[in-house]
Amino acid sequence: LRSEARLVVEHDGVRVVIEDGTAQDAARVARAL
């Protein structure tokens, strides 16, 4: 199940898909928020 268990985040019309959970992924979510 791991490879398909991606985190999909939506805020104000922006969708961010996270797989690995890196610091860069966290920065992408923060920018979207």
PDB file of all heavy atoms in Angstrom:
ATOM      1  N   LEU A   1       0.803  -1.222   0.000  1.00  0.00           N
ATOM      2  CA  LEU A   1       0.000   0.000   0.000  1.00  0.00           C
ATOM      3  C   LEU A   1       0.839   1.277   0.000  1.00  0.00           C
ATOM      4  O   LEU A   1       0.332   2.341  -0.343  1.00  0.00           O
ATOM      5  CB  LEU A   1      -0.927   0.025   1.219  1.00  0.00           C
ATOM      6  CG  LEU A   1      -2.044  -0.999   1.251  1.00  0.00           C
ATOM      7  CD1 LEU A   1      -2.835  -0.874   2.547  1.00  0.00           C
ATOM      8  CD2 LEU A   1      -2.952  -0.831   0.054  1.00  0.00           C
ATOM      9  N   ARG A   2       2.090   1.188   0.416  1.00  0.00           N
ATOM     10  CA  ARG A   2       2.906   2.397   0.601  1.00  0.00           C
ATOM     11  C   ARG A   2       3.033   3.254  -0.646  1.00  0.00           C
ATOM     12  O   ARG A   2       2.920   4.474  -0.579  1.00  0.00           O
ATOM     13  CB  ARG A   2       4.303   2.026   1.082  1.00  0.00           C
ATOM     14  CG  ARG A   2       4.329   1.663   2.517  1.00  0.00           C
ATOM     15  CD  ARG A   2       5.728   1.399   3.021  1.00  0.00           C
ATOM     16  NE  ARG A   2       5.606   0.643   4.245  1.00  0.00           N
ATOM     17  CZ  ARG A   2       6.397  -0.319   4.605  1.00  0.00           C
ATOM     18  NH1 ARG A   2       7.429  -0.653   3.840  1.00  0.00           N
ATOM     19  NH2 ARG A   2       6.206  -0.950   5.727  1.00  0.00           N
ATOM     20  N   SER A   3       3.298   2.652  -1.791  1.00  0.00           N
ATOM     21  CA  SER A   3       3.573   3.450  -2.983  1.00  0.00           C
ATOM     22  C   SER A   3       2.364   4.247  -3.455  1.00  0.00           C
ATOM     23  O   SER A   3       2.519   5.296  -4.068  1.00  0.00           O
ATOM     24  CB  SER A   3       4.095   2.570  -4.119  1.00  0.00           C
ATOM     25  OG  SER A   3       3.081   1.683  -4.542  1.00  0.00           O
ATOM     26  N   GLU A   4       1.156   3.776  -3.161  1.00  0.00           N
ATOM     27  CA  GLU A   4      -0.044   4.490  -3.591  1.00  0.00           C
ATOM     28  C   GLU A   4      -0.607   5.401  -2.507  1.00  0.00           C
ATOM     29  O   GLU A   4      -1.534   6.156  -2.773  1.00  0.00           O
ATOM     30  CB  GLU A   4      -1.122   3.492  -4.022  1.00  0.00           C
ATOM     31  CG  GLU A   4      -0.774   2.776  -5.304  1.00  0.00           C
ATOM     32  CD  GLU A   4      -0.645   3.729  -6.488  1.00  0.00           C
ATOM     33  OE1 GLU A   4      -1.465   4.664  -6.619  1.00  0.00           O
ATOM     34  OE2 GLU A   4       0.286   3.540  -7.283  1.00  0.00           O
ATOM     35  N   ALA A   5      -0.075   5.337  -1.308  1.00  0.00           N
ATOM     36  CA  ALA A   5      -0.616   6.104  -0.187  1.00  0.00           C
ATOM     37  C   ALA A   5      -0.005   7.501  -0.142  1.00  0.00           C
ATOM     38  O   ALA A   5       0.744   7.850   0.761  1.00  0.00           O
ATOM     39  CB  ALA A   5      -0.392   5.364   1.123  1.00  0.00           C
ATOM     40  N   ARG A   6      -0.351   8.283  -1.137  1.00  0.00           N
ATOM     41  CA  ARG A   6       0.148   9.661  -1.206  1.00  0.00           C
ATOM     42  C   ARG A   6      -0.787  10.587  -0.446  1.00  0.00           C
ATOM     43  O   ARG A   6      -1.981  10.355  -0.373  1.00  0.00           O
ATOM     44  CB  ARG A   6       0.239  10.098  -2.662  1.00  0.00           C
ATOM     45  CG  ARG A   6       1.233   9.256  -3.431  1.00  0.00           C
ATOM     46  CD  ARG A   6       1.345   9.713  -4.877  1.00  0.00           C
ATOM     47  NE  ARG A   6       2.242   8.831  -5.591  1.00  0.00           N
ATOM     48  CZ  ARG A   6       1.845   7.965  -6.513  1.00  0.00           C
ATOM     49  NH1 ARG A   6       0.578   7.887  -6.846  1.00  0.00           N
ATOM     50  NH2 ARG A   6       2.707   7.200  -7.110  1.00  0.00           N
ATOM     51  N   LEU A   7      -0.225  11.645   0.103  1.00  0.00           N
ATOM     52  CA  LEU A   7      -1.011  12.669   0.783  1.00  0.00           C
ATOM     53  C   LEU A   7      -1.413  13.714  -0.247  1.00  0.00           C
ATOM     54  O   LEU A   7      -0.563  14.276  -0.929  1.00  0.00           O
ATOM     55  CB  LEU A   7      -0.188  13.325   1.893  1.00  0.00           C
ATOM     56  CG  LEU A   7      -0.842  14.494   2.626  1.00  0.00           C
ATOM     57  CD1 LEU A   7      -2.081  14.031   3.387  1.00  0.00           C
ATOM     58  CD2 LEU A   7       0.161  15.139   3.575  1.00  0.00           C
ATOM     59  N   VAL A   8      -2.710  13.948  -0.373  1.00  0.00           N
ATOM     60  CA  VAL A   8      -3.228  14.955  -1.289  1.00  0.00           C
ATOM     61  C   VAL A   8      -3.764  16.087  -0.416  1.00  0.00           C
ATOM     62  O   VAL A   8      -4.638  15.871   0.427  1.00  0.00           O
ATOM     63  CB  VAL A   8      -4.343  14.387  -2.181  1.00  0.00           C
ATOM     64  CG1 VAL A   8      -4.870  15.455  -3.130  1.00  0.00           C
ATOM     65  CG2 VAL A   8      -3.854  13.161  -2.943  1.00  0.00           C
ATOM     66  N   VAL A   9      -3.204  17.289  -0.603  1.00  0.00           N
ATOM     67  CA  VAL A   9      -3.592  18.467   0.170  1.00  0.00           C
ATOM     68  C   VAL A   9      -4.203  19.477  -0.785  1.00  0.00           C
ATOM     69  O   VAL A   9      -3.613  19.763  -1.831  1.00  0.00           O
ATOM     70  CB  VAL A   9      -2.361  19.099   0.870  1.00  0.00           C
ATOM     71  CG1 VAL A   9      -2.763  20.346   1.647  1.00  0.00           C
ATOM     72  CG2 VAL A   9      -1.655  18.092   1.766  1.00  0.00           C
ATOM     73  N   GLU A  10      -5.361  20.009  -0.432  1.00  0.00           N
ATOM     74  CA  GLU A  10      -6.001  21.046  -1.253  1.00  0.00           C
ATOM     75  C   GLU A  10      -6.314  22.254  -0.388  1.00  0.00           C
ATOM     76  O   GLU A  10      -6.817  22.120   0.730  1.00  0.00           O
ATOM     77  CB  GLU A  10      -7.296  20.534  -1.877  1.00  0.00           C
ATOM     78  CG  GLU A  10      -7.077  19.521  -2.957  1.00  0.00           C
ATOM     79  CD  GLU A  10      -8.356  19.144  -3.686  1.00  0.00           C
ATOM     80  OE1 GLU A  10      -9.454  19.567  -3.255  1.00  0.00           O
ATOM     81  OE2 GLU A  10      -8.251  18.420  -4.683  1.00  0.00           O
ATOM     82  N   HIS A  11      -5.992  23.431  -0.944  1.00  0.00           N
ATOM     83  CA  HIS A  11      -6.298  24.692  -0.279  1.00  0.00           C
ATOM     84  C   HIS A  11      -6.424  25.774  -1.337  1.00  0.00           C
ATOM     85  O   HIS A  11      -5.518  25.947  -2.165  1.00  0.00           O
ATOM     86  CB  HIS A  11      -5.189  25.054   0.715  1.00  0.00           C
ATOM     87  CG  HIS A  11      -5.383  26.384   1.366  1.00  0.00           C
ATOM     88  ND1 HIS A  11      -6.361  26.614   2.296  1.00  0.00           N
ATOM     89  CD2 HIS A  11      -4.730  27.555   1.204  1.00  0.00           C
ATOM     90  CE1 HIS A  11      -6.292  27.871   2.688  1.00  0.00           C
ATOM     91  NE2 HIS A  11      -5.315  28.469   2.039  1.00  0.00           N
ATOM     92  N   ASP A  12      -7.540  26.476  -1.337  1.00  0.00           N
ATOM     93  CA  ASP A  12      -7.779  27.592  -2.266  1.00  0.00           C
ATOM     94  C   ASP A  12      -7.472  27.248  -3.719  1.00  0.00           C
ATOM     95  O   ASP A  12      -6.811  28.013  -4.433  1.00  0.00           O
ATOM     96  CB  ASP A  12      -6.968  28.818  -1.856  1.00  0.00           C
ATOM     97  CG  ASP A  12      -7.619  29.582  -0.715  1.00  0.00           C
ATOM     98  OD1 ASP A  12      -8.802  29.309  -0.407  1.00  0.00           O
ATOM     99  OD2 ASP A  12      -6.946  30.449  -0.133  1.00  0.00           O
ATOM    100  N   GLY A  13      -7.933  26.091  -4.175  1.00  0.00           N
ATOM    101  CA  GLY A  13      -7.766  25.722  -5.571  1.00  0.00           C
ATOM    102  C   GLY A  13      -6.403  25.173  -5.939  1.00  0.00           C
ATOM    103  O   GLY A  13      -6.139  24.890  -7.104  1.00  0.00           O
ATOM    104  N   VAL A  14      -5.527  25.016  -4.970  1.00  0.00           N
ATOM    105  CA  VAL A  14      -4.203  24.460  -5.232  1.00  0.00           C
ATOM    106  C   VAL A  14      -4.147  23.061  -4.631  1.00  0.00           C
ATOM    107  O   VAL A  14      -4.522  22.862  -3.472  1.00  0.00           O
ATOM    108  CB  VAL A  14      -3.087  25.340  -4.625  1.00  0.00           C
ATOM    109  CG1 VAL A  14      -1.724  24.701  -4.816  1.00  0.00           C
ATOM    110  CG2 VAL A  14      -3.117  26.733  -5.224  1.00  0.00           C
ATOM    111  N   ARG A  15      -3.698  22.105  -5.416  1.00  0.00           N
ATOM    112  CA  ARG A  15      -3.556  20.726  -4.961  1.00  0.00           C
ATOM    113  C   ARG A  15      -2.072  20.381  -4.920  1.00  0.00           C
ATOM    114  O   ARG A  15      -1.361  20.565  -5.898  1.00  0.00           O
ATOM    115  CB  ARG A  15      -4.284  19.776  -5.897  1.00  0.00           C
ATOM    116  CG  ARG A  15      -4.112  18.306  -5.513  1.00  0.00           C
ATOM    117  CD  ARG A  15      -4.873  17.406  -6.427  1.00  0.00           C
ATOM    118  NE  ARG A  15      -6.288  17.482  -6.044  1.00  0.00           N
ATOM    119  CZ  ARG A  15      -7.243  16.771  -6.606  1.00  0.00           C
ATOM    120  NH1 ARG A  15      -6.963  15.947  -7.599  1.00  0.00           N
ATOM    121  NH2 ARG A  15      -8.485  16.877  -6.206  1.00  0.00           N
ATOM    122  N   VAL A  16      -1.631  19.858  -3.773  1.00  0.00           N
ATOM    123  CA  VAL A  16      -0.250  19.418  -3.591  1.00  0.00           C
ATOM    124  C   VAL A  16      -0.295  17.927  -3.284  1.00  0.00           C
ATOM    125  O   VAL A  16      -1.039  17.499  -2.407  1.00  0.00           O
ATOM    126  CB  VAL A  16       0.438  20.175  -2.431  1.00  0.00           C
ATOM    127  CG1 VAL A  16       1.884  19.730  -2.280  1.00  0.00           C
ATOM    128  CG2 VAL A  16       0.357  21.681  -2.619  1.00  0.00           C
ATOM    129  N   VAL A  17       0.496  17.152  -4.005  1.00  0.00           N
ATOM    130  CA  VAL A  17       0.562  15.706  -3.792  1.00  0.00           C
ATOM    131  C   VAL A  17       1.931  15.386  -3.191  1.00  0.00           C
ATOM    132  O   VAL A  17       2.962  15.730  -3.754  1.00  0.00           O
ATOM    133  CB  VAL A  17       0.355  14.932  -5.113  1.00  0.00           C
ATOM    134  CG1 VAL A  17       0.454  13.430  -4.877  1.00  0.00           C
ATOM    135  CG2 VAL A  17      -0.982  15.301  -5.732  1.00  0.00           C
ATOM    136  N   ILE A  18       1.899  14.731  -2.034  1.00  0.00           N
ATOM    137  CA  ILE A  18       3.112  14.415  -1.279  1.00  0.00           C
ATOM    138  C   ILE A  18       3.286  12.900  -1.231  1.00  0.00           C
ATOM    139  O   ILE A  18       2.356  12.183  -0.874  1.00  0.00           O
ATOM    140  CB  ILE A  18       3.018  14.957   0.169  1.00  0.00           C
ATOM    141  CG1 ILE A  18       2.746  16.450   0.185  1.00  0.00           C
ATOM    142  CG2 ILE A  18       4.257  14.577   0.958  1.00  0.00           C
ATOM    143  CD1 ILE A  18       3.810  17.304  -0.433  1.00  0.00           C
ATOM    144  N   GLU A  19       4.474  12.459  -1.550  1.00  0.00           N
ATOM    145  CA  GLU A  19       4.752  11.027  -1.437  1.00  0.00           C
ATOM    146  C   GLU A  19       5.816  10.768  -0.382  1.00  0.00           C
ATOM    147  O   GLU A  19       5.613  10.000   0.547  1.00  0.00           O
ATOM    148  CB  GLU A  19       5.206  10.456  -2.779  1.00  0.00           C
ATOM    149  CG  GLU A  19       5.401   8.963  -2.720  1.00  0.00           C
ATOM    150  CD  GLU A  19       5.623   8.346  -4.082  1.00  0.00           C
ATOM    151  OE1 GLU A  19       5.320   8.992  -5.086  1.00  0.00           O
ATOM    152  OE2 GLU A  19       6.094   7.204  -4.112  1.00  0.00           O
ATOM    153  N   ASP A  20       6.962  11.385  -0.503  1.00  0.00           N
ATOM    154  CA  ASP A  20       8.108  11.040   0.340  1.00  0.00           C
ATOM    155  C   ASP A  20       8.146  11.721   1.702  1.00  0.00           C
ATOM    156  O   ASP A  20       8.776  11.227   2.619  1.00  0.00           O
ATOM    157  CB  ASP A  20       9.411  11.338  -0.407  1.00  0.00           C
ATOM    158  CG  ASP A  20       9.507  10.514  -1.678  1.00  0.00           C
ATOM    159  OD1 ASP A  20       9.089   9.346  -1.657  1.00  0.00           O
ATOM    160  OD2 ASP A  20       9.985  11.051  -2.691  1.00  0.00           O
ATOM    161  N   GLY A  21       7.519  12.886   1.837  1.00  0.00           N
ATOM    162  CA  GLY A  21       7.524  13.570   3.125  1.00  0.00           C
ATOM    163  C   GLY A  21       8.835  14.258   3.437  1.00  0.00           C
ATOM    164  O   GLY A  21       9.293  14.235   4.580  1.00  0.00           O
ATOM    165  N   THR A  22       9.427  14.887   2.450  1.00  0.00           N
ATOM    166  CA  THR A  22      10.692  15.585   2.649  1.00  0.00           C
ATOM    167  C   THR A  22      10.464  17.007   3.162  1.00  0.00           C
ATOM    168  O   THR A  22       9.338  17.510   3.165  1.00  0.00           O
ATOM    169  CB  THR A  22      11.469  15.677   1.319  1.00  0.00           C
ATOM    170  OG1 THR A  22      10.703  16.496   0.417  1.00  0.00           O
ATOM    171  CG2 THR A  22      11.708  14.293   0.715  1.00  0.00           C
ATOM    172  N   ALA A  23      11.539  17.663   3.553  1.00  0.00           N
ATOM    173  CA  ALA A  23      11.457  19.065   3.967  1.00  0.00           C
ATOM    174  C   ALA A  23      10.968  19.931   2.810  1.00  0.00           C
ATOM    175  O   ALA A  23      10.219  20.896   3.014  1.00  0.00           O
ATOM    176  CB  ALA A  23      12.816  19.542   4.458  1.00  0.00           C
ATOM    177  N   GLN A  24      11.341  19.582   1.577  1.00  0.00           N
ATOM    178  CA  GLN A  24      10.875  20.329   0.409  1.00  0.00           C
ATOM    179  C   GLN A  24       9.363  20.153   0.226  1.00  0.00           C
ATOM    180  O   GLN A  24       8.676  21.088  -0.172  1.00  0.00           O
ATOM    181  CB  GLN A  24      11.610  19.888  -0.866  1.00  0.00           C
ATOM    182  CG  GLN A  24      13.072  20.253  -0.887  1.00  0.00           C
ATOM    183  CD  GLN A  24      13.942  19.265  -0.100  1.00  0.00           C
ATOM    184  OE1 GLN A  24      13.503  18.213   0.353  1.00  0.00           O
ATOM    185  NE2 GLN A  24      15.193  19.633   0.088  1.00  0.00           N
ATOM    186  N   ASP A  25       8.851  18.947   0.515  1.00  0.00           N
ATOM    187  CA  ASP A  25       7.413  18.711   0.446  1.00  0.00           C
ATOM    188  C   ASP A  25       6.679  19.585   1.463  1.00  0.00           C
ATOM    189  O   ASP A  25       5.651  20.191   1.158  1.00  0.00           O
ATOM    190  CB  ASP A  25       7.085  17.238   0.712  1.00  0.00           C
ATOM    191  CG  ASP A  25       7.540  16.312  -0.400  1.00  0.00           C
ATOM    192  OD1 ASP A  25       7.628  16.758  -1.555  1.00  0.00           O
ATOM    193  OD2 ASP A  25       7.787  15.131  -0.101  1.00  0.00           O
ATOM    194  N   ALA A  26       7.208  19.665   2.673  1.00  0.00           N
ATOM    195  CA  ALA A  26       6.600  20.502   3.709  1.00  0.00           C
ATOM    196  C   ALA A  26       6.603  21.966   3.284  1.00  0.00           C
ATOM    197  O   ALA A  26       5.610  22.681   3.497  1.00  0.00           O
ATOM    198  CB  ALA A  26       7.343  20.327   5.032  1.00  0.00           C
ATOM    199  N   ALA A  27       7.671  22.417   2.640  1.00  0.00           N
ATOM    200  CA  ALA A  27       7.749  23.801   2.155  1.00  0.00           C
ATOM    201  C   ALA A  27       6.706  24.047   1.072  1.00  0.00           C
ATOM    202  O   ALA A  27       6.092  25.122   1.021  1.00  0.00           O
ATOM    203  CB  ALA A  27       9.154  24.106   1.638  1.00  0.00           C
ATOM    204  N   ARG A  28       6.471  23.069   0.198  1.00  0.00           N
ATOM    205  CA  ARG A  28       5.453  23.205  -0.845  1.00  0.00           C
ATOM    206  C   ARG A  28       4.068  23.354  -0.237  1.00  0.00           C
ATOM    207  O   ARG A  28       3.263  24.184  -0.676  1.00  0.00           O
ATOM    208  CB  ARG A  28       5.500  22.009  -1.792  1.00  0.00           C
ATOM    209  CG  ARG A  28       6.752  21.995  -2.665  1.00  0.00           C
ATOM    210  CD  ARG A  28       6.920  20.753  -3.552  1.00  0.00           C
ATOM    211  NE  ARG A  28       5.695  20.194  -4.060  1.00  0.00           N
ATOM    212  CZ  ARG A  28       5.354  18.908  -3.939  1.00  0.00           C
ATOM    213  NH1 ARG A  28       6.138  18.053  -3.324  1.00  0.00           N
ATOM    214  NH2 ARG A  28       4.236  18.462  -4.450  1.00  0.00           N
ATOM    215  N   VAL A  29       3.768  22.557   0.800  1.00  0.00           N
ATOM    216  CA  VAL A  29       2.474  22.658   1.464  1.00  0.00           C
ATOM    217  C   VAL A  29       2.350  24.016   2.152  1.00  0.00           C
ATOM    218  O   VAL A  29       1.318  24.681   2.052  1.00  0.00           O
ATOM    219  CB  VAL A  29       2.273  21.502   2.474  1.00  0.00           C
ATOM    220  CG1 VAL A  29       1.024  21.720   3.319  1.00  0.00           C
ATOM    221  CG2 VAL A  29       2.199  20.165   1.748  1.00  0.00           C
ATOM    222  N   ALA A  30       3.400  24.451   2.829  1.00  0.00           N
ATOM    223  CA  ALA A  30       3.368  25.750   3.511  1.00  0.00           C
ATOM    224  C   ALA A  30       3.127  26.886   2.524  1.00  0.00           C
ATOM    225  O   ALA A  30       2.348  27.801   2.800  1.00  0.00           O
ATOM    226  CB  ALA A  30       4.666  25.967   4.281  1.00  0.00           C
ATOM    227  N   ARG A  31       3.777  26.836   1.361  1.00  0.00           N
ATOM    228  CA  ARG A  31       3.564  27.878   0.341  1.00  0.00           C
ATOM    229  C   ARG A  31       2.131  27.859  -0.171  1.00  0.00           C
ATOM    230  O   ARG A  31       1.531  28.908  -0.378  1.00  0.00           O
ATOM    231  CB  ARG A  31       4.544  27.710  -0.818  1.00  0.00           C
ATOM    232  CG  ARG A  31       5.927  28.258  -0.516  1.00  0.00           C
ATOM    233  CD  ARG A  31       6.784  28.338  -1.764  1.00  0.00           C
ATOM    234  NE  ARG A  31       7.046  27.048  -2.372  1.00  0.00           N
ATOM    235  CZ  ARG A  31       8.032  26.229  -2.033  1.00  0.00           C
ATOM    236  NH1 ARG A  31       8.870  26.556  -1.078  1.00  0.00           N
ATOM    237  NH2 ARG A  31       8.186  25.082  -2.652  1.00  0.00           N
ATOM    238  N   ALA A  32       1.583  26.668  -0.370  1.00  0.00           N
ATOM    239  CA  ALA A  32       0.196  26.569  -0.830  1.00  0.00           C
ATOM    240  C   ALA A  32      -0.763  27.145   0.207  1.00  0.00           C
ATOM    241  O   ALA A  32      -1.708  27.846  -0.131  1.00  0.00           O
ATOM    242  CB  ALA A  32      -0.154  25.119  -1.151  1.00  0.00           C
ATOM    243  N   LEU A  33      -0.508  26.874   1.479  1.00  0.00           N
ATOM    244  CA  LEU A  33      -1.365  27.390   2.541  1.00  0.00           C
ATOM    245  C   LEU A  33      -1.227  28.900   2.700  1.00  0.00           C
ATOM    246  O   LEU A  33      -2.174  29.577   3.100  1.00  0.00           O
ATOM    247  CB  LEU A  33      -1.053  26.701   3.867  1.00  0.00           C
ATOM    248  CG  LEU A  33      -1.448  25.236   3.956  1.00  0.00           C
ATOM    249  CD1 LEU A  33      -0.970  24.636   5.264  1.00  0.00           C
ATOM    250  CD2 LEU A  33      -2.945  25.087   3.809  1.00  0.00           C
TER     251      LEU A  33
END
